[in-house]
Amino acid sequence: MSDSQWDPSQPHNALPALPPAHELESRYVIAHKADYYRLLQAVAQTSIWTTSKIAAIRGLAEHTTAHVRARLPKIYTRELVDVIFEQPYCRIGNLVDKGIAQRQACLTLPARTGRLGRIA
């Protein structure tokens, strides 16, 4: 056997013995316990904040849908509300691009939707 070949039976070629991965992780967590729990608390707080914002946005979307449906039932579509909600200052081109109506039909929408007033 040449010197360049690897022989696992030879002690100088064997890998060092390492503790199992879960022991290494446990040691790290124990050694950095304060940081671990501080960061874990930050993740929990961020999660609470994020879910509350998502709930608020969903509530506003439902309110907007009900408002448009009540004030303009003849032109109400879910797609129209989505565009109003996503782009409060939308143009006729935005409505045409989303396939809500043709350009000619969209020309009457600003006058009608202007009667909606403030939604929120």
C-alpha atoms as a PDB file:
ATOM      1  CA  MET A   1       0.000   0.000   0.000  1.00  0.00           C
ATOM      2  CA  SER A   2       1.352   3.425  -0.923  1.00  0.00           C
ATOM      3  CA  ASP A   3       1.400   6.433   1.404  1.00  0.00           C
ATOM      4  CA  SER A   4      -1.285   8.221  -0.622  1.00  0.00           C
ATOM      5  CA  GLN A   5      -3.945   5.581  -0.005  1.00  0.00           C
ATOM      6  CA  TRP A   6      -6.305   5.907   2.917  1.00  0.00           C
ATOM      7  CA  ASP A   7      -6.511   3.010   5.329  1.00  0.00           C
ATOM      8  CA  PRO A   8      -9.207   3.346   7.997  1.00  0.00           C
ATOM      9  CA  SER A   9      -7.586   0.623  10.106  1.00  0.00           C
ATOM     10  CA  GLN A  10      -4.598   2.833  10.763  1.00  0.00           C
ATOM     11  CA  PRO A  11      -5.041   5.076  13.841  1.00  0.00           C
ATOM     12  CA  HIS A  12      -3.415   8.104  12.220  1.00  0.00           C
ATOM     13  CA  ASN A  13      -6.043   7.968   9.414  1.00  0.00           C
ATOM     14  CA  ALA A  14      -9.109   7.573  11.638  1.00  0.00           C
ATOM     15  CA  LEU A  15     -11.454  10.485  12.214  1.00  0.00           C
ATOM     16  CA  PRO A  16     -11.509  11.930  15.719  1.00  0.00           C
ATOM     17  CA  ALA A  17     -14.361  10.715  17.891  1.00  0.00           C
ATOM     18  CA  LEU A  18     -17.052  13.388  18.212  1.00  0.00           C
ATOM     19  CA  PRO A  19     -19.973  13.424  20.590  1.00  0.00           C
ATOM     20  CA  PRO A  20     -23.404  12.955  19.004  1.00  0.00           C
ATOM     21  CA  ALA A  21     -24.904  16.075  17.424  1.00  0.00           C
ATOM     22  CA  HIS A  22     -27.651  16.412  20.052  1.00  0.00           C
ATOM     23  CA  GLU A  23     -25.012  16.597  22.800  1.00  0.00           C
ATOM     24  CA  LEU A  24     -23.219  19.392  20.961  1.00  0.00           C
ATOM     25  CA  GLU A  25     -26.490  21.277  20.509  1.00  0.00           C
ATOM     26  CA  SER A  26     -27.408  20.801  24.164  1.00  0.00           C
ATOM     27  CA  ARG A  27     -24.018  22.078  25.306  1.00  0.00           C
ATOM     28  CA  TYR A  28     -24.371  25.131  23.090  1.00  0.00           C
ATOM     29  CA  VAL A  29     -27.887  25.917  24.343  1.00  0.00           C
ATOM     30  CA  ILE A  30     -26.809  25.507  27.961  1.00  0.00           C
ATOM     31  CA  ALA A  31     -23.760  27.703  27.438  1.00  0.00           C
ATOM     32  CA  HIS A  32     -25.839  30.398  25.692  1.00  0.00           C
ATOM     33  CA  LYS A  33     -29.105  29.959  27.566  1.00  0.00           C
ATOM     34  CA  ALA A  34     -29.790  33.675  28.140  1.00  0.00           C
ATOM     35  CA  ASP A  35     -29.295  34.552  24.458  1.00  0.00           C
ATOM     36  CA  TYR A  36     -31.320  31.532  23.371  1.00  0.00           C
ATOM     37  CA  TYR A  37     -34.350  32.492  25.463  1.00  0.00           C
ATOM     38  CA  ARG A  38     -34.028  36.188  24.588  1.00  0.00           C
ATOM     39  CA  LEU A  39     -34.057  35.361  20.876  1.00  0.00           C
ATOM     40  CA  LEU A  40     -36.856  32.825  21.332  1.00  0.00           C
ATOM     41  CA  GLN A  41     -38.943  35.530  23.049  1.00  0.00           C
ATOM     42  CA  ALA A  42     -38.211  37.928  20.162  1.00  0.00           C
ATOM     43  CA  VAL A  43     -39.461  35.330  17.678  1.00  0.00           C
ATOM     44  CA  ALA A  44     -42.648  34.852  19.727  1.00  0.00           C
ATOM     45  CA  GLN A  45     -43.277  38.617  19.908  1.00  0.00           C
ATOM     46  CA  THR A  46     -42.691  39.016  16.180  1.00  0.00           C
ATOM     47  CA  SER A  47     -45.128  36.187  15.521  1.00  0.00           C
ATOM     48  CA  ILE A  48     -47.814  37.827  17.674  1.00  0.00           C
ATOM     49  CA  TRP A  49     -47.291  41.208  15.976  1.00  0.00           C
ATOM     50  CA  THR A  50     -47.372  39.663  12.491  1.00  0.00           C
ATOM     51  CA  THR A  51     -50.550  37.669  13.089  1.00  0.00           C
ATOM     52  CA  SER A  52     -52.298  40.728  14.546  1.00  0.00           C
ATOM     53  CA  LYS A  53     -51.395  42.769  11.461  1.00  0.00           C
ATOM     54  CA  ILE A  54     -52.641  40.004   9.158  1.00  0.00           C
ATOM     55  CA  ALA A  55     -55.921  39.895  11.100  1.00  0.00           C
ATOM     56  CA  ALA A  56     -56.273  43.686  10.818  1.00  0.00           C
ATOM     57  CA  ILE A  57     -55.670  43.600   7.058  1.00  0.00           C
ATOM     58  CA  ARG A  58     -58.208  40.813   6.607  1.00  0.00           C
ATOM     59  CA  GLY A  59     -60.741  42.775   8.664  1.00  0.00           C
ATOM     60  CA  LEU A  60     -60.179  45.874   6.539  1.00  0.00           C
ATOM     61  CA  ALA A  61     -60.582  43.814   3.355  1.00  0.00           C
ATOM     62  CA  GLU A  62     -63.912  42.424   4.617  1.00  0.00           C
ATOM     63  CA  HIS A  63     -65.089  45.918   5.608  1.00  0.00           C
ATOM     64  CA  THR A  64     -64.103  47.274   2.192  1.00  0.00           C
ATOM     65  CA  THR A  65     -65.997  44.469   0.451  1.00  0.00           C
ATOM     66  CA  ALA A  66     -69.162  45.115   2.477  1.00  0.00           C
ATOM     67  CA  HIS A  67     -68.902  48.876   1.930  1.00  0.00           C
ATOM     68  CA  VAL A  68     -68.543  48.617  -1.860  1.00  0.00           C
ATOM     69  CA  ARG A  69     -71.253  45.948  -2.111  1.00  0.00           C
ATOM     70  CA  ALA A  70     -73.692  48.155  -0.150  1.00  0.00           C
ATOM     71  CA  ARG A  71     -72.903  51.451  -1.917  1.00  0.00           C
ATOM     72  CA  LEU A  72     -72.439  50.200  -5.516  1.00  0.00           C
ATOM     73  CA  PRO A  73     -74.170  46.823  -5.897  1.00  0.00           C
ATOM     74  CA  LYS A  74     -74.480  47.109  -9.698  1.00  0.00           C
ATOM     75  CA  ILE A  75     -70.756  47.335 -10.329  1.00  0.00           C
ATOM     76  CA  TYR A  76     -69.526  45.316  -7.358  1.00  0.00           C
ATOM     77  CA  THR A  77     -67.157  42.455  -8.129  1.00  0.00           C
ATOM     78  CA  ARG A  78     -64.613  40.852  -5.869  1.00  0.00           C
ATOM     79  CA  GLU A  79     -61.904  41.718  -8.397  1.00  0.00           C
ATOM     80  CA  LEU A  80     -62.847  45.417  -8.277  1.00  0.00           C
ATOM     81  CA  VAL A  81     -62.600  45.414  -4.493  1.00  0.00           C
ATOM     82  CA  ASP A  82     -59.254  43.651  -4.671  1.00  0.00           C
ATOM     83  CA  VAL A  83     -57.871  46.352  -6.973  1.00  0.00           C
ATOM     84  CA  ILE A  84     -59.298  49.148  -4.778  1.00  0.00           C
ATOM     85  CA  PHE A  85     -57.835  47.477  -1.717  1.00  0.00           C
ATOM     86  CA  GLU A  86     -54.419  46.803  -3.245  1.00  0.00           C
ATOM     87  CA  GLN A  87     -54.134  50.112  -5.117  1.00  0.00           C
ATOM     88  CA  PRO A  88     -56.248  52.850  -3.512  1.00  0.00           C
ATOM     89  CA  TYR A  89     -55.127  55.293  -6.217  1.00  0.00           C
ATOM     90  CA  CYS A  90     -55.667  52.922  -9.134  1.00  0.00           C
ATOM     91  CA  ARG A  91     -56.041  54.081 -12.714  1.00  0.00           C
ATOM     92  CA  ILE A  92     -58.272  52.813 -15.493  1.00  0.00           C
ATOM     93  CA  GLY A  93     -55.270  50.911 -16.845  1.00  0.00           C
ATOM     94  CA  ASN A  94     -55.048  48.936 -13.589  1.00  0.00           C
ATOM     95  CA  LEU A  95     -58.668  47.827 -13.967  1.00  0.00           C
ATOM     96  CA  VAL A  96     -58.177  46.898 -17.619  1.00  0.00           C
ATOM     97  CA  ASP A  97     -54.953  45.024 -16.810  1.00  0.00           C
ATOM     98  CA  LYS A  98     -56.760  42.968 -14.150  1.00  0.00           C
ATOM     99  CA  GLY A  99     -59.493  42.091 -16.668  1.00  0.00           C
ATOM    100  CA  ILE A 100     -62.288  43.717 -14.665  1.00  0.00           C
ATOM    101  CA  ALA A 101     -63.741  45.540 -17.670  1.00  0.00           C
ATOM    102  CA  GLN A 102     -62.819  46.971 -21.035  1.00  0.00           C
ATOM    103  CA  ARG A 103     -61.384  50.467 -21.199  1.00  0.00           C
ATOM    104  CA  GLN A 104     -64.671  52.037 -22.370  1.00  0.00           C
ATOM    105  CA  ALA A 105     -66.623  50.549 -19.463  1.00  0.00           C
ATOM    106  CA  CYS A 106     -63.925  51.605 -17.008  1.00  0.00           C
ATOM    107  CA  LEU A 107     -64.323  55.246 -18.024  1.00  0.00           C
ATOM    108  CA  THR A 108     -67.530  55.460 -15.961  1.00  0.00           C
ATOM    109  CA  LEU A 109     -66.063  53.776 -12.877  1.00  0.00           C
ATOM    110  CA  PRO A 110     -64.151  56.752 -11.440  1.00  0.00           C
ATOM    111  CA  ALA A 111     -67.343  58.800 -11.218  1.00  0.00           C
ATOM    112  CA  ARG A 112     -69.198  55.891  -9.613  1.00  0.00           C
ATOM    113  CA  THR A 113     -66.450  54.818  -7.250  1.00  0.00           C
ATOM    114  CA  GLY A 114     -65.869  58.433  -6.263  1.00  0.00           C
ATOM    115  CA  ARG A 115     -69.266  58.228  -4.575  1.00  0.00           C
ATOM    116  CA  LEU A 116     -67.952  55.539  -2.269  1.00  0.00           C
ATOM    117  CA  GLY A 117     -66.412  58.104  -0.011  1.00  0.00           C
ATOM    118  CA  ARG A 118     -63.814  57.147   2.492  1.00  0.00           C
ATOM    119  CA  ILE A 119     -63.905  53.402   3.136  1.00  0.00           C
ATOM    120  CA  ALA A 120     -61.963  53.093   6.377  1.00  0.00           C
END
